[in-house]
C-alpha atoms as a PDB file:
ATOM      1  CA  MET A   1      92.827  91.991  92.257  1.00  0.00           C
ATOM      2  CA  ILE A   2      90.466  95.102  91.922  1.00  0.00           C
ATOM      3  CA  ILE A   3      87.239  95.563  93.920  1.00  0.00           C
ATOM      4  CA  LYS A   4      84.927  98.286  92.728  1.00  0.00           C
ATOM      5  CA  ASP A   5      82.043  99.432  94.585  1.00  0.00           C
ATOM      6  CA  SER A   6      78.758  99.126  92.757  1.00  0.00           C
ATOM      7  CA  GLU A   7      77.998 102.839  93.443  1.00  0.00           C
ATOM      8  CA  GLU A   8      81.711 103.918  92.507  1.00  0.00           C
ATOM      9  CA  ILE A   9      82.507 105.383  95.922  1.00  0.00           C
ATOM     10  CA  TYR A  10      85.608 103.369  96.478  1.00  0.00           C
ATOM     11  CA  THR A  11      87.981 101.043  94.725  1.00  0.00           C
ATOM     12  CA  ILE A  12      90.147  98.374  96.645  1.00  0.00           C
ATOM     13  CA  GLU A  13      93.212  97.022  94.818  1.00  0.00           C
ATOM     14  CA  ILE A  14      94.950  94.050  96.559  1.00  0.00           C
ATOM     15  CA  ASN A  15      98.665  93.341  95.698  1.00  0.00           C
ATOM     16  CA  GLU A  16      98.958  89.988  97.162  1.00  0.00           C
ATOM     17  CA  CYS A  17     102.722  89.453  96.499  1.00  0.00           C
ATOM     18  CA  LYS A  18     103.613  92.715  98.248  1.00  0.00           C
ATOM     19  CA  ARG A  19     100.904  92.316 100.957  1.00  0.00           C
ATOM     20  CA  ILE A  20      99.441  95.785 100.204  1.00  0.00           C
ATOM     21  CA  VAL A  21      95.872  96.890  99.877  1.00  0.00           C
ATOM     22  CA  ILE A  22      95.164 100.361  98.197  1.00  0.00           C
ATOM     23  CA  GLU A  23      91.885 101.937  98.722  1.00  0.00           C
ATOM     24  CA  THR A  24      90.691 105.059  96.670  1.00  0.00           C
ATOM     25  CA  PHE A  25      87.684 107.068  97.505  1.00  0.00           C
ATOM     26  CA  GLU A  26      85.692 109.252  95.402  1.00  0.00           C
ATOM     27  CA  GLY A  27      82.685 111.406  96.824  1.00  0.00           C
ATOM     28  CA  LEU A  28      80.613 111.212  99.863  1.00  0.00           C
ATOM     29  CA  PHE A  29      81.039 108.219 101.975  1.00  0.00           C
ATOM     30  CA  THR A  30      77.856 107.234 103.684  1.00  0.00           C
ATOM     31  CA  LYS A  31      76.641 104.501 106.137  1.00  0.00           C
ATOM     32  CA  ASP A  32      75.632 102.388 103.056  1.00  0.00           C
ATOM     33  CA  ALA A  33      78.942 102.735 101.328  1.00  0.00           C
ATOM     34  CA  TYR A  34      80.638 101.759 104.806  1.00  0.00           C
ATOM     35  CA  THR A  35      78.394  98.791 104.691  1.00  0.00           C
ATOM     36  CA  ARG A  36      79.463  97.639 101.322  1.00  0.00           C
ATOM     37  CA  PHE A  37      83.228  98.605 101.946  1.00  0.00           C
ATOM     38  CA  HIS A  38      83.422  96.470 105.217  1.00  0.00           C
ATOM     39  CA  SER A  39      81.707  93.482 103.505  1.00  0.00           C
ATOM     40  CA  ASP A  40      84.088  93.858 100.683  1.00  0.00           C
ATOM     41  CA  TYR A  41      87.001  93.636 103.005  1.00  0.00           C
ATOM     42  CA  LYS A  42      85.532  90.515 105.158  1.00  0.00           C
ATOM     43  CA  ASN A  43      84.282  88.568 102.081  1.00  0.00           C
ATOM     44  CA  LYS A  44      86.818  89.580  99.408  1.00  0.00           C
ATOM     45  CA  VAL A  45      89.984  91.183 100.653  1.00  0.00           C
ATOM     46  CA  LEU A  46      90.745  89.161 103.832  1.00  0.00           C
ATOM     47  CA  PRO A  47      90.551  85.903 101.918  1.00  0.00           C
ATOM     48  CA  VAL A  48      93.189  87.040  99.543  1.00  0.00           C
ATOM     49  CA  ILE A  49      95.474  88.764 101.845  1.00  0.00           C
ATOM     50  CA  GLY A  50      95.011  86.804 104.775  1.00  0.00           C
ATOM     51  CA  THR A  51      95.888  87.583 108.515  1.00  0.00           C
ATOM     52  CA  SER A  52      99.750  87.701 108.047  1.00  0.00           C
ATOM     53  CA  PRO A  53     101.036  91.167 108.326  1.00  0.00           C
ATOM     54  CA  TRP A  54      99.881  93.653 105.566  1.00  0.00           C
ATOM     55  CA  LYS A  55      99.829  97.254 104.953  1.00  0.00           C
ATOM     56  CA  LYS A  56      97.193  99.671 103.516  1.00  0.00           C
ATOM     57  CA  ILE A  57      97.355 102.815 101.488  1.00  0.00           C
ATOM     58  CA  SER A  58      94.406 104.873 101.773  1.00  0.00           C
ATOM     59  CA  ASP A  59      93.975 107.694  99.141  1.00  0.00           C
ATOM     60  CA  ILE A  60      91.564 110.023 100.634  1.00  0.00           C
ATOM     61  CA  ARG A  61      92.124 112.973  98.572  1.00  0.00           C
ATOM     62  CA  ASN A  62      88.571 112.817  96.926  1.00  0.00           C
ATOM     63  CA  PHE A  63      87.033 111.558 100.280  1.00  0.00           C
ATOM     64  CA  LYS A  64      83.919 113.236 101.562  1.00  0.00           C
ATOM     65  CA  ALA A  65      82.984 111.948 104.741  1.00  0.00           C
ATOM     66  CA  SER A  66      79.680 111.809 106.513  1.00  0.00           C
ATOM     67  CA  ASN A  67      78.953 110.468 109.861  1.00  0.00           C
ATOM     68  CA  VAL A  68      81.038 107.524 109.591  1.00  0.00           C
ATOM     69  CA  SER A  69      84.089 108.073 111.533  1.00  0.00           C
ATOM     70  CA  THR A  70      82.963 105.614 114.393  1.00  0.00           C
ATOM     71  CA  LEU A  71      82.395 103.025 111.883  1.00  0.00           C
ATOM     72  CA  MET A  72      85.684 103.667 110.263  1.00  0.00           C
ATOM     73  CA  ASN A  73      87.563 103.413 113.429  1.00  0.00           C
ATOM     74  CA  ASP A  74      85.614  99.996 114.077  1.00  0.00           C
ATOM     75  CA  HIS A  75      86.699  98.817 110.562  1.00  0.00           C
ATOM     76  CA  ASN A  76      90.357  99.887 111.229  1.00  0.00           C
ATOM     77  CA  LYS A  77      90.312  98.061 114.638  1.00  0.00           C
ATOM     78  CA  TRP A  78      88.970  94.865 112.861  1.00  0.00           C
ATOM     79  CA  ALA A  79      91.671  95.137 110.014  1.00  0.00           C
ATOM     80  CA  GLU A  80      94.509  95.553 112.815  1.00  0.00           C
ATOM     81  CA  GLU A  81      93.011  92.425 114.457  1.00  0.00           C
ATOM     82  CA  ASN A  82      93.459  90.852 111.077  1.00  0.00           C
ATOM     83  CA  GLY A  83      96.965  91.582 110.457  1.00  0.00           C
ATOM     84  CA  MET A  84      96.926  95.239 109.238  1.00  0.00           C
ATOM     85  CA  LEU A  85     100.016  97.243 110.103  1.00  0.00           C
ATOM     86  CA  PRO A  86     100.101 101.132 110.294  1.00  0.00           C
ATOM     87  CA  GLY A  87     100.313 102.235 106.611  1.00  0.00           C
ATOM     88  CA  ILE A  88      99.864 105.177 104.398  1.00  0.00           C
ATOM     89  CA  ILE A  89      97.340 108.024 104.031  1.00  0.00           C
ATOM     90  CA  ILE A  90      97.421 110.232 100.754  1.00  0.00           C
ATOM     91  CA  ILE A  91      96.047 113.533 101.385  1.00  0.00           C
ATOM     92  CA  ASN A  92      95.870 116.816  99.645  1.00  0.00           C
ATOM     93  CA  ASN A  93      97.083 119.379 102.329  1.00  0.00           C
ATOM     94  CA  ASN A  94     100.580 119.700 103.189  1.00  0.00           C
ATOM     95  CA  LEU A  95      99.903 121.220 106.443  1.00  0.00           C
ATOM     96  CA  VAL A  96      97.805 118.135 107.699  1.00  0.00           C
ATOM     97  CA  LYS A  97     100.329 115.830 106.289  1.00  0.00           C
ATOM     98  CA  SER A  98     102.897 117.455 108.677  1.00  0.00           C
ATOM     99  CA  GLN A  99     100.618 117.508 111.646  1.00  0.00           C
ATOM    100  CA  ILE A 100      99.922 113.648 111.010  1.00  0.00           C
ATOM    101  CA  ASN A 101     103.454 112.900 110.566  1.00  0.00           C
ATOM    102  CA  ASN A 102     104.555 114.599 113.707  1.00  0.00           C
ATOM    103  CA  LEU A 103     102.264 112.835 116.057  1.00  0.00           C
ATOM    104  CA  ASN A 104     104.990 110.297 116.806  1.00  0.00           C
ATOM    105  CA  ASN A 105     102.270 107.525 117.187  1.00  0.00           C
ATOM    106  CA  PRO A 106     103.497 104.196 115.556  1.00  0.00           C
ATOM    107  CA  SER A 107      99.725 103.190 115.195  1.00  0.00           C
ATOM    108  CA  VAL A 108      99.119 106.236 112.790  1.00  0.00           C
ATOM    109  CA  PRO A 109      99.668 105.899 109.230  1.00  0.00           C
ATOM    110  CA  THR A 110     102.255 108.004 107.544  1.00  0.00           C
ATOM    111  CA  ALA A 111     100.767 110.708 105.414  1.00  0.00           C
ATOM    112  CA  PHE A 112     101.868 111.831 101.912  1.00  0.00           C
ATOM    113  CA  THR A 113     100.615 114.191  99.325  1.00  0.00           C
ATOM    114  CA  ASN A 114     101.357 112.042  96.233  1.00  0.00           C
ATOM    115  CA  LEU A 115     101.261 108.178  95.443  1.00  0.00           C
ATOM    116  CA  ILE A 116     104.814 108.322  93.978  1.00  0.00           C
ATOM    117  CA  LYS A 117     106.553 109.438  97.216  1.00  0.00           C
ATOM    118  CA  ALA A 118     104.334 106.958  99.255  1.00  0.00           C
ATOM    119  CA  TYR A 119     105.614 103.997  96.908  1.00  0.00           C
ATOM    120  CA  LYS A 120     109.217 105.089  97.458  1.00  0.00           C
ATOM    121  CA  TRP A 121     108.733 105.344 101.213  1.00  0.00           C
ATOM    122  CA  LEU A 122     107.256 101.777 101.108  1.00  0.00           C
ATOM    123  CA  LYS A 123     110.367 100.549  99.325  1.00  0.00           C
ATOM    124  CA  THR A 124     112.463 101.761 102.198  1.00  0.00           C
ATOM    125  CA  GLN A 125     110.204  99.654 104.427  1.00  0.00           C
ATOM    126  CA  GLY A 126     110.963  96.471 102.505  1.00  0.00           C
ATOM    127  CA  LEU A 127     107.701  96.360 100.673  1.00  0.00           C
END
């Protein structure tokens, strides 16, 4: 199932069999975009994926955030309460990738700079 934002800011793809949700962001993520995004999760993603454990891949290579970090933290907390396990974040910067991966915090997603390597890693995790 693919959910596309009405303003083309994000796309959410659900792989129900593998219990993976893939988010792709394009452009400036505003409070209005966040409202639509969270609503899509509550009304479209959760009914499909359920609350059994699932992982998320967040491709933020084209993400431009405004002042939504608190809202996104709230969304991630809500997602964790509804079965989300630490997943993957796709970024453009190798230095940031290394910094994220060296945090040694099990609740922080694993960072990659490309989707192919991310999928290979997921296979090693049994997904």
